[in-house]
Amino acid sequence: MKTLQLQFVTAANKTASLSVTDPKPTLTDEDVKQAMNAVLATQVFVDADGPFASIKGAQMIERNVTPFAVN
């Protein structure tokens, strides 16, 4: 499973993140940047350290699970 992690800096200069599961496989750097700027413009997300103030980074995380036949 892939997860897109969007990292922001809050007004208190702390890191906050949003995770999006199963993002579009064709996302580009520019797509992600535009989405993050839209998040900042709406100021919808506020945590204990204040509103998101700027972009810190973004990364795609891929998790693989391999079960063992132990039964």
Protein backbone atom coordinates (compact mmCIF):
# COMPACT_ATOMS: atom_id res chain seq x y z
CA MET A 1 0.00 0.00 0.00
CA LYS A 2 1.25 3.48 -0.85
CA THR A 3 0.72 6.56 1.28
CA LEU A 4 1.48 10.14 0.34
CA GLN A 5 2.73 12.06 3.39
CA LEU A 6 2.46 15.85 3.22
CA GLN A 7 4.59 17.71 5.76
CA PHE A 8 3.91 21.27 6.86
CA VAL A 9 5.41 23.76 9.30
CA THR A 10 2.91 25.23 11.77
CA ALA A 11 2.72 28.80 13.03
CA ALA A 12 4.68 27.60 16.11
CA ASN A 13 7.48 26.31 13.84
CA LYS A 14 6.58 22.66 14.55
CA THR A 15 6.10 19.90 11.97
CA ALA A 16 2.63 18.58 11.17
CA SER A 17 1.67 16.06 8.52
CA LEU A 18 -1.28 14.77 6.54
CA SER A 19 -1.39 11.29 5.03
CA VAL A 20 -3.30 10.30 1.89
CA THR A 21 -3.74 6.57 1.31
CA ASP A 22 -3.72 5.17 -2.22
CA PRO A 23 -2.82 8.41 -4.03
CA LYS A 24 -2.97 8.61 -7.82
CA PRO A 25 0.05 6.75 -9.22
CA THR A 26 0.67 9.51 -11.78
CA LEU A 27 1.26 12.34 -9.27
CA THR A 28 4.05 14.74 -10.15
CA ASP A 29 6.05 17.07 -7.93
CA GLU A 30 3.99 19.96 -9.28
CA ASP A 31 0.68 18.18 -8.52
CA VAL A 32 1.75 17.66 -4.92
CA LYS A 33 3.00 21.24 -4.56
CA GLN A 34 -0.28 22.63 -5.91
CA ALA A 35 -2.30 20.46 -3.53
CA MET A 36 -0.18 21.54 -0.57
CA ASN A 37 -0.55 25.20 -1.51
CA ALA A 38 -4.33 24.69 -1.69
CA VAL A 39 -4.27 23.21 1.84
CA LEU A 40 -2.35 26.26 3.07
CA ALA A 41 -4.69 28.70 1.31
CA THR A 42 -7.83 27.24 2.91
CA GLN A 43 -6.38 27.28 6.45
CA VAL A 44 -8.74 24.42 7.28
CA PHE A 45 -6.13 22.42 9.19
CA VAL A 46 -5.14 23.69 12.63
CA ASP A 47 -3.48 21.58 15.30
CA ALA A 48 -2.33 22.28 18.86
CA ASP A 49 0.64 24.23 17.46
CA GLY A 50 -1.52 26.51 15.32
CA PRO A 51 -2.42 26.60 11.63
CA PHE A 52 -0.24 25.19 8.88
CA ALA A 53 2.03 28.04 7.78
CA SER A 54 4.35 26.65 5.09
CA ILE A 55 5.41 23.56 3.18
CA LYS A 56 8.16 21.42 4.68
CA GLY A 57 8.16 18.46 2.28
CA ALA A 58 6.35 15.47 0.88
CA GLN A 59 7.15 11.82 0.39
CA MET A 60 5.63 8.66 -0.98
CA ILE A 61 5.74 5.79 1.50
CA GLU A 62 5.30 2.22 0.31
CA ARG A 63 4.49 -0.53 2.80
CA ASN A 64 4.75 -4.20 1.93
CA VAL A 65 3.31 -6.92 4.15
CA THR A 66 4.38 -10.52 3.66
CA PRO A 67 2.45 -13.00 5.80
CA PHE A 68 4.05 -16.20 7.07
CA ALA A 69 2.25 -19.56 6.86
CA VAL A 70 2.58 -20.51 10.53
CA ASN A 71 -0.85 -22.10 11.05
